[in-house]
Amino acid sequence: MPPPADRHAPLDLPPGVVALGPEACSAVAALVADAERAQSAEVGAALQEGLRVVPRPLRGIARKVLTG
């Protein structure tokens, strides 16, 4: 599944996090990046699992409909 177009946009952190300093901002940014990677992997796995119920000749069409 292709990544969202704005994936590389900088995070707009809340003022409370920014007030904690650059180390906290870096930690939050790393956590968000890890969560996005995990979410992308889980969505991909769920898509593959869901396509298993579609007859094989129709899987390509179904994948295109689901992913755009």
PDB file of N, CA and C in Angstrom:
ATOM      1  N   MET A   1       0.850  -1.164   0.000  1.00  0.00           N
ATOM      2  CA  MET A   1       0.000   0.000   0.000  1.00  0.00           C
ATOM      3  C   MET A   1       0.898   1.230   0.000  1.00  0.00           C
ATOM      4  N   PRO A   2       0.639   2.177  -0.920  1.00  0.00           N
ATOM      5  CA  PRO A   2       1.507   3.350  -0.986  1.00  0.00           C
ATOM      6  C   PRO A   2       1.343   4.239   0.236  1.00  0.00           C
ATOM      7  N   PRO A   3       2.424   4.887   0.644  1.00  0.00           N
ATOM      8  CA  PRO A   3       2.346   5.761   1.816  1.00  0.00           C
ATOM      9  C   PRO A   3       1.545   7.011   1.502  1.00  0.00           C
ATOM     10  N   PRO A   4       0.957   7.636   2.516  1.00  0.00           N
ATOM     11  CA  PRO A   4       0.245   8.889   2.281  1.00  0.00           C
ATOM     12  C   PRO A   4       1.185   9.959   1.742  1.00  0.00           C
ATOM     13  N   ALA A   5       0.637  10.907   0.972  1.00  0.00           N
ATOM     14  CA  ALA A   5       1.450  11.932   0.327  1.00  0.00           C
ATOM     15  C   ALA A   5       2.131  12.842   1.345  1.00  0.00           C
ATOM     16  N   ASP A   6       1.485  13.086   2.484  1.00  0.00           N
ATOM     17  CA  ASP A   6       2.051  14.007   3.467  1.00  0.00           C
ATOM     18  C   ASP A   6       2.824  13.300   4.569  1.00  0.00           C
ATOM     19  N   ARG A   7       3.244  12.085   4.303  1.00  0.00           N
ATOM     20  CA  ARG A   7       3.924  11.295   5.324  1.00  0.00           C
ATOM     21  C   ARG A   7       5.216  11.953   5.813  1.00  0.00           C
ATOM     22  N   HIS A   8       5.905  12.658   4.931  1.00  0.00           N
ATOM     23  CA  HIS A   8       7.183  13.255   5.300  1.00  0.00           C
ATOM     24  C   HIS A   8       7.038  14.687   5.808  1.00  0.00           C
ATOM     25  N   ALA A   9       5.805  15.123   5.994  1.00  0.00           N
ATOM     26  CA  ALA A   9       5.585  16.467   6.535  1.00  0.00           C
ATOM     27  C   ALA A   9       6.030  16.476   7.999  1.00  0.00           C
ATOM     28  N   PRO A  10       6.603  17.586   8.445  1.00  0.00           N
ATOM     29  CA  PRO A  10       7.029  17.652   9.849  1.00  0.00           C
ATOM     30  C   PRO A  10       5.824  17.574  10.784  1.00  0.00           C
ATOM     31  N   LEU A  11       6.069  17.001  11.946  1.00  0.00           N
ATOM     32  CA  LEU A  11       4.997  16.876  12.931  1.00  0.00           C
ATOM     33  C   LEU A  11       4.665  18.241  13.518  1.00  0.00           C
ATOM     34  N   ASP A  12       3.388  18.469  13.713  1.00  0.00           N
ATOM     35  CA  ASP A  12       2.941  19.688  14.375  1.00  0.00           C
ATOM     36  C   ASP A  12       2.679  19.306  15.826  1.00  0.00           C
ATOM     37  N   LEU A  13       3.719  19.392  16.639  1.00  0.00           N
ATOM     38  CA  LEU A  13       3.627  18.960  18.034  1.00  0.00           C
ATOM     39  C   LEU A  13       2.908  19.995  18.883  1.00  0.00           C
ATOM     40  N   PRO A  14       2.164  19.546  19.870  1.00  0.00           N
ATOM     41  CA  PRO A  14       1.496  20.473  20.776  1.00  0.00           C
ATOM     42  C   PRO A  14       2.515  21.284  21.578  1.00  0.00           C
ATOM     43  N   PRO A  15       2.136  22.483  21.990  1.00  0.00           N
ATOM     44  CA  PRO A  15       3.063  23.334  22.743  1.00  0.00           C
ATOM     45  C   PRO A  15       3.617  22.665  24.005  1.00  0.00           C
ATOM     46  N   GLY A  16       2.823  21.835  24.634  1.00  0.00           N
ATOM     47  CA  GLY A  16       3.298  21.155  25.840  1.00  0.00           C
ATOM     48  C   GLY A  16       4.463  20.231  25.567  1.00  0.00           C
ATOM     49  N   VAL A  17       4.446  19.558  24.418  1.00  0.00           N
ATOM     50  CA  VAL A  17       5.558  18.670  24.058  1.00  0.00           C
ATOM     51  C   VAL A  17       6.761  19.498  23.649  1.00  0.00           C
ATOM     52  N   VAL A  18       6.530  20.555  22.876  1.00  0.00           N
ATOM     53  CA  VAL A  18       7.633  21.424  22.439  1.00  0.00           C
ATOM     54  C   VAL A  18       8.329  22.038  23.653  1.00  0.00           C
ATOM     55  N   ALA A  19       7.559  22.352  24.691  1.00  0.00           N
ATOM     56  CA  ALA A  19       8.131  22.958  25.891  1.00  0.00           C
ATOM     57  C   ALA A  19       9.068  22.005  26.627  1.00  0.00           C
ATOM     58  N   LEU A  20       8.952  20.713  26.374  1.00  0.00           N
ATOM     59  CA  LEU A  20       9.815  19.734  27.032  1.00  0.00           C
ATOM     60  C   LEU A  20      11.227  19.707  26.452  1.00  0.00           C
ATOM     61  N   GLY A  21      11.401  20.308  25.289  1.00  0.00           N
ATOM     62  CA  GLY A  21      12.734  20.395  24.712  1.00  0.00           C
ATOM     63  C   GLY A  21      12.917  19.537  23.480  1.00  0.00           C
ATOM     64  N   PRO A  22      14.054  19.702  22.829  1.00  0.00           N
ATOM     65  CA  PRO A  22      14.307  18.985  21.576  1.00  0.00           C
ATOM     66  C   PRO A  22      14.428  17.468  21.742  1.00  0.00           C
ATOM     67  N   GLU A  23      14.909  17.024  22.886  1.00  0.00           N
ATOM     68  CA  GLU A  23      15.026  15.570  23.095  1.00  0.00           C
ATOM     69  C   GLU A  23      13.645  14.927  23.129  1.00  0.00           C
ATOM     70  N   ALA A  24      12.702  15.566  23.817  1.00  0.00           N
ATOM     71  CA  ALA A  24      11.339  15.040  23.889  1.00  0.00           C
ATOM     72  C   ALA A  24      10.684  15.085  22.510  1.00  0.00           C
ATOM     73  N   CYS A  25      10.927  16.154  21.768  1.00  0.00           N
ATOM     74  CA  CYS A  25      10.363  16.265  20.418  1.00  0.00           C
ATOM     75  C   CYS A  25      10.900  15.155  19.517  1.00  0.00           C
ATOM     76  N   SER A  26      12.184  14.880  19.621  1.00  0.00           N
ATOM     77  CA  SER A  26      12.782  13.809  18.826  1.00  0.00           C
ATOM     78  C   SER A  26      12.210  12.452  19.222  1.00  0.00           C
ATOM     79  N   ALA A  27      12.028  12.243  20.513  1.00  0.00           N
ATOM     80  CA  ALA A  27      11.473  10.972  20.985  1.00  0.00           C
ATOM     81  C   ALA A  27      10.049  10.792  20.488  1.00  0.00           C
ATOM     82  N   VAL A  28       9.250  11.846  20.556  1.00  0.00           N
ATOM     83  CA  VAL A  28       7.866  11.759  20.079  1.00  0.00           C
ATOM     84  C   VAL A  28       7.847  11.505  18.579  1.00  0.00           C
ATOM     85  N   ALA A  29       8.699  12.198  17.829  1.00  0.00           N
ATOM     86  CA  ALA A  29       8.764  12.000  16.381  1.00  0.00           C
ATOM     87  C   ALA A  29       9.149  10.556  16.050  1.00  0.00           C
ATOM     88  N   ALA A  30      10.086   9.985  16.789  1.00  0.00           N
ATOM     89  CA  ALA A  30      10.494   8.593  16.562  1.00  0.00           C
ATOM     90  C   ALA A  30       9.357   7.634  16.884  1.00  0.00           C
ATOM     91  N   LEU A  31       8.636   7.898  17.964  1.00  0.00           N
ATOM     92  CA  LEU A  31       7.505   7.042  18.332  1.00  0.00           C
ATOM     93  C   LEU A  31       6.400   7.096  17.271  1.00  0.00           C
ATOM     94  N   VAL A  32       6.142   8.286  16.765  1.00  0.00           N
ATOM     95  CA  VAL A  32       5.119   8.429  15.730  1.00  0.00           C
ATOM     96  C   VAL A  32       5.548   7.696  14.456  1.00  0.00           C
ATOM     97  N   ALA A  33       6.804   7.841  14.072  1.00  0.00           N
ATOM     98  CA  ALA A  33       7.303   7.151  12.881  1.00  0.00           C
ATOM     99  C   ALA A  33       7.203   5.634  13.047  1.00  0.00           C
ATOM    100  N   ASP A  34       7.560   5.117  14.219  1.00  0.00           N
ATOM    101  CA  ASP A  34       7.447   3.681  14.482  1.00  0.00           C
ATOM    102  C   ASP A  34       5.995   3.229  14.419  1.00  0.00           C
ATOM    103  N   ALA A  35       5.095   4.027  14.983  1.00  0.00           N
ATOM    104  CA  ALA A  35       3.671   3.683  14.967  1.00  0.00           C
ATOM    105  C   ALA A  35       3.125   3.680  13.544  1.00  0.00           C
ATOM    106  N   GLU A  36       3.563   4.630  12.720  1.00  0.00           N
ATOM    107  CA  GLU A  36       3.115   4.667  11.325  1.00  0.00           C
ATOM    108  C   GLU A  36       3.603   3.454  10.554  1.00  0.00           C
ATOM    109  N   ARG A  37       4.863   3.058  10.793  1.00  0.00           N
ATOM    110  CA  ARG A  37       5.382   1.856  10.119  1.00  0.00           C
ATOM    111  C   ARG A  37       4.620   0.613  10.545  1.00  0.00           C
ATOM    112  N   ALA A  38       4.342   0.493  11.844  1.00  0.00           N
ATOM    113  CA  ALA A  38       3.610  -0.669  12.348  1.00  0.00           C
ATOM    114  C   ALA A  38       2.191  -0.686  11.787  1.00  0.00           C
ATOM    115  N   GLN A  39       1.558   0.471  11.733  1.00  0.00           N
ATOM    116  CA  GLN A  39       0.205   0.547  11.211  1.00  0.00           C
ATOM    117  C   GLN A  39       0.172   0.161   9.733  1.00  0.00           C
ATOM    118  N   SER A  40       1.139   0.641   8.979  1.00  0.00           N
ATOM    119  CA  SER A  40       1.204   0.310   7.560  1.00  0.00           C
ATOM    120  C   SER A  40       1.372  -1.195   7.355  1.00  0.00           C
ATOM    121  N   ALA A  41       2.225  -1.814   8.154  1.00  0.00           N
ATOM    122  CA  ALA A  41       2.432  -3.261   8.053  1.00  0.00           C
ATOM    123  C   ALA A  41       1.168  -4.022   8.425  1.00  0.00           C
ATOM    124  N   GLU A  42       0.468  -3.569   9.456  1.00  0.00           N
ATOM    125  CA  GLU A  42      -0.758  -4.239   9.889  1.00  0.00           C
ATOM    126  C   GLU A  42      -1.865  -4.099   8.855  1.00  0.00           C
ATOM    127  N   VAL A  43      -1.964  -2.926   8.231  1.00  0.00           N
ATOM    128  CA  VAL A  43      -2.976  -2.719   7.187  1.00  0.00           C
ATOM    129  C   VAL A  43      -2.669  -3.619   5.992  1.00  0.00           C
ATOM    130  N   GLY A  44      -1.403  -3.700   5.623  1.00  0.00           N
ATOM    131  CA  GLY A  44      -1.018  -4.574   4.517  1.00  0.00           C
ATOM    132  C   GLY A  44      -1.330  -6.033   4.802  1.00  0.00           C
ATOM    133  N   ALA A  45      -1.033  -6.470   6.011  1.00  0.00           N
ATOM    134  CA  ALA A  45      -1.322  -7.859   6.387  1.00  0.00           C
ATOM    135  C   ALA A  45      -2.824  -8.110   6.412  1.00  0.00           C
ATOM    136  N   ALA A  46      -3.595  -7.157   6.911  1.00  0.00           N
ATOM    137  CA  ALA A  46      -5.051  -7.311   6.948  1.00  0.00           C
ATOM    138  C   ALA A  46      -5.627  -7.360   5.534  1.00  0.00           C
ATOM    139  N   LEU A  47      -5.075  -6.554   4.640  1.00  0.00           N
ATOM    140  CA  LEU A  47      -5.532  -6.576   3.252  1.00  0.00           C
ATOM    141  C   LEU A  47      -5.268  -7.935   2.624  1.00  0.00           C
ATOM    142  N   GLN A  48      -4.054  -8.447   2.825  1.00  0.00           N
ATOM    143  CA  GLN A  48      -3.726  -9.763   2.273  1.00  0.00           C
ATOM    144  C   GLN A  48      -4.629 -10.847   2.849  1.00  0.00           C
ATOM    145  N   GLU A  49      -4.874 -10.793   4.137  1.00  0.00           N
ATOM    146  CA  GLU A  49      -5.742 -11.788   4.782  1.00  0.00           C
ATOM    147  C   GLU A  49      -7.163 -11.666   4.259  1.00  0.00           C
ATOM    148  N   GLY A  50      -7.638 -10.440   4.089  1.00  0.00           N
ATOM    149  CA  GLY A  50      -8.991 -10.237   3.587  1.00  0.00           C
ATOM    150  C   GLY A  50      -9.153 -10.699   2.150  1.00  0.00           C
ATOM    151  N   LEU A  51      -8.104 -10.545   1.361  1.00  0.00           N
ATOM    152  CA  LEU A  51      -8.183 -10.969  -0.041  1.00  0.00           C
ATOM    153  C   LEU A  51      -8.186 -12.487  -0.192  1.00  0.00           C
ATOM    154  N   ARG A  52      -7.834 -13.204   0.852  1.00  0.00           N
ATOM    155  CA  ARG A  52      -7.830 -14.668   0.767  1.00  0.00           C
ATOM    156  C   ARG A  52      -9.218 -15.234   0.542  1.00  0.00           C
ATOM    157  N   VAL A  53     -10.267 -14.494   0.933  1.00  0.00           N
ATOM    158  CA  VAL A  53     -11.632 -14.993   0.749  1.00  0.00           C
ATOM    159  C   VAL A  53     -12.164 -14.695  -0.651  1.00  0.00           C
ATOM    160  N   VAL A  54     -11.451 -13.850  -1.405  1.00  0.00           N
ATOM    161  CA  VAL A  54     -11.851 -13.515  -2.770  1.00  0.00           C
ATOM    162  C   VAL A  54     -11.286 -14.592  -3.704  1.00  0.00           C
ATOM    163  N   PRO A  55     -12.087 -15.076  -4.632  1.00  0.00           N
ATOM    164  CA  PRO A  55     -11.557 -16.064  -5.591  1.00  0.00           C
ATOM    165  C   PRO A  55     -10.320 -15.532  -6.314  1.00  0.00           C
ATOM    166  N   ARG A  56      -9.358 -16.401  -6.504  1.00  0.00           N
ATOM    167  CA  ARG A  56      -8.058 -16.009  -7.064  1.00  0.00           C
ATOM    168  C   ARG A  56      -8.170 -15.188  -8.352  1.00  0.00           C
ATOM    169  N   PRO A  57      -9.019 -15.537  -9.315  1.00  0.00           N
ATOM    170  CA  PRO A  57      -9.074 -14.724 -10.536  1.00  0.00           C
ATOM    171  C   PRO A  57      -9.536 -13.278 -10.299  1.00  0.00           C
ATOM    172  N   LEU A  58     -10.209 -13.025  -9.202  1.00  0.00           N
ATOM    173  CA  LEU A  58     -10.739 -11.686  -8.923  1.00  0.00           C
ATOM    174  C   LEU A  58      -9.887 -10.888  -7.933  1.00  0.00           C
ATOM    175  N   ARG A  59      -8.841 -11.463  -7.394  1.00  0.00           N
ATOM    176  CA  ARG A  59      -8.046 -10.786  -6.359  1.00  0.00           C
ATOM    177  C   ARG A  59      -7.385  -9.503  -6.853  1.00  0.00           C
ATOM    178  N   GLY A  60      -6.874  -9.515  -8.076  1.00  0.00           N
ATOM    179  CA  GLY A  60      -6.247  -8.309  -8.606  1.00  0.00           C
ATOM    180  C   GLY A  60      -7.225  -7.153  -8.707  1.00  0.00           C
ATOM    181  N   ILE A  61      -8.431  -7.459  -9.198  1.00  0.00           N
ATOM    182  CA  ILE A  61      -9.463  -6.439  -9.290  1.00  0.00           C
ATOM    183  C   ILE A  61      -9.868  -5.963  -7.907  1.00  0.00           C
ATOM    184  N   ALA A  62     -10.066  -6.894  -6.984  1.00  0.00           N
ATOM    185  CA  ALA A  62     -10.463  -6.526  -5.628  1.00  0.00           C
ATOM    186  C   ALA A  62      -9.382  -5.686  -4.954  1.00  0.00           C
ATOM    187  N   ARG A  63      -8.120  -6.033  -5.150  1.00  0.00           N
ATOM    188  CA  ARG A  63      -7.015  -5.263  -4.559  1.00  0.00           C
ATOM    189  C   ARG A  63      -7.023  -3.832  -5.099  1.00  0.00           C
ATOM    190  N   LYS A  64      -7.245  -3.704  -6.422  1.00  0.00           N
ATOM    191  CA  LYS A  64      -7.259  -2.376  -7.029  1.00  0.00           C
ATOM    192  C   LYS A  64      -8.420  -1.542  -6.501  1.00  0.00           C
ATOM    193  N   VAL A  65      -9.587  -2.178  -6.297  1.00  0.00           N
ATOM    194  CA  VAL A  65     -10.745  -1.463  -5.762  1.00  0.00           C
ATOM    195  C   VAL A  65     -10.483  -1.014  -4.325  1.00  0.00           C
ATOM    196  N   LEU A  66      -9.842  -1.868  -3.537  1.00  0.00           N
ATOM    197  CA  LEU A  66      -9.612  -1.546  -2.120  1.00  0.00           C
ATOM    198  C   LEU A  66      -8.486  -0.534  -1.916  1.00  0.00           C
ATOM    199  N   THR A  67      -7.491  -0.552  -2.775  1.00  0.00           N
ATOM    200  CA  THR A  67      -6.343   0.323  -2.563  1.00  0.00           C
ATOM    201  C   THR A  67      -6.329   1.546  -3.468  1.00  0.00           C
ATOM    202  N   GLY A  68      -7.198   1.566  -4.450  1.00  0.00           N
ATOM    203  CA  GLY A  68      -7.310   2.762  -5.305  1.00  0.00           C
ATOM    204  C   GLY A  68      -6.498   2.730  -6.494  1.00  0.00           C
TER     205      GLY A  68
END
